[in-house]
Protein backbone atom coordinates (compact mmCIF):
# COMPACT_ATOMS: atom_id res chain seq x y z
CA MET A 1 67.65 131.71 69.11
CA LYS A 2 66.17 128.55 67.55
CA SER A 3 68.83 128.48 64.87
CA LEU A 4 71.55 128.80 67.50
CA ILE A 5 70.21 125.76 69.40
CA LYS A 6 69.85 123.76 66.18
CA SER A 7 73.40 124.55 65.10
CA PHE A 8 74.68 123.59 68.58
CA LEU A 9 72.91 120.22 68.41
CA LYS A 10 74.24 119.52 64.89
CA GLU A 11 77.83 120.38 65.77
CA GLU A 12 79.93 117.23 66.15
CA GLU A 13 83.34 118.67 67.07
CA GLY A 14 84.85 116.90 70.06
CA LEU A 15 82.34 114.08 69.91
CA GLY A 16 85.08 111.47 69.47
CA THR A 17 86.70 112.60 72.70
CA VAL A 18 83.43 112.33 74.58
CA GLU A 19 82.91 108.81 73.24
CA ILE A 20 86.39 107.73 74.36
CA VAL A 21 85.85 109.21 77.84
CA ILE A 22 82.53 107.36 78.17
CA ILE A 23 84.11 104.06 77.06
CA ILE A 24 86.96 104.48 79.56
CA ALA A 25 84.50 105.30 82.34
CA VAL A 26 82.48 102.16 81.56
CA LEU A 27 85.62 99.99 81.55
CA VAL A 28 86.79 101.43 84.87
CA GLY A 29 83.33 100.85 86.33
CA LEU A 30 83.33 97.23 85.17
CA ALA A 31 86.82 96.70 86.57
CA ILE A 32 85.68 98.05 89.95
CA ILE A 33 82.54 95.91 89.96
CA PHE A 34 84.32 92.69 88.98
CA ARG A 35 87.56 93.41 90.87
CA GLY A 36 87.22 90.35 93.10
CA ALA A 37 86.56 88.00 90.21
CA ILE A 38 89.47 89.44 88.21
CA PHE A 39 91.92 89.03 91.12
CA SER A 40 90.67 85.51 91.81
CA PHE A 41 91.10 84.53 88.15
CA LEU A 42 94.60 86.00 87.98
CA ASP A 43 95.58 84.31 91.27
CA GLN A 44 94.47 80.89 89.99
CA LEU A 45 96.17 81.47 86.65
CA LEU A 46 99.49 82.42 88.24
CA LYS A 47 99.35 79.50 90.68
CA LYS A 48 98.87 77.07 87.78
CA LEU A 49 101.60 78.78 85.81
CA PHE A 50 104.22 78.64 88.56
CA GLU A 51 103.07 75.38 90.19
CA GLY A 52 105.67 73.16 88.54
CA SER A 53 108.30 75.76 87.85
CA ASP A 54 110.55 74.52 90.66
CA LYS A 55 110.75 71.14 88.93
CA ALA A 56 111.62 72.65 85.56
CA VAL A 57 114.57 74.71 86.77
CA GLU A 58 117.59 73.17 88.43
CA LYS A 59 118.19 74.73 91.82
CA PRO A 60 121.68 76.17 92.29
CA THR A 61 123.84 74.42 94.88
CA GLY A 62 125.97 77.45 95.67
CA THR A 63 129.01 79.17 94.32
CA PRO A 64 131.50 76.75 92.77
CA SER A 65 134.86 76.78 94.52
CA TYR A 66 138.00 77.36 92.51
CA ASN A 67 141.38 76.19 93.72
CA ILE A 68 143.93 78.91 93.06
CA SER A 69 147.42 77.75 93.90
CA SER A 70 150.61 79.78 93.99
CA SER A 71 152.45 77.09 92.02
CA ALA A 72 150.62 78.14 88.88
CA ASN A 73 152.56 81.42 88.84
CA PRO A 74 154.90 81.36 85.78
CA ASN A 75 157.46 83.80 87.34
């Protein structure tokens, strides 16, 4: 029985998967804890990013009108 317990403790198969699951759980926990700070940071960042974008891009004035006359018909 002792040897069975020792061999179970020494076995490392699947240990990488357990480590990845623990890391993901910690990251999700941190994201939940700091959710407010993360959203606040992203909100400020996006406001600064798009603050002057209306000045950088020329606003369209509408669809240009084309004058199609019947006198242009070559027939």
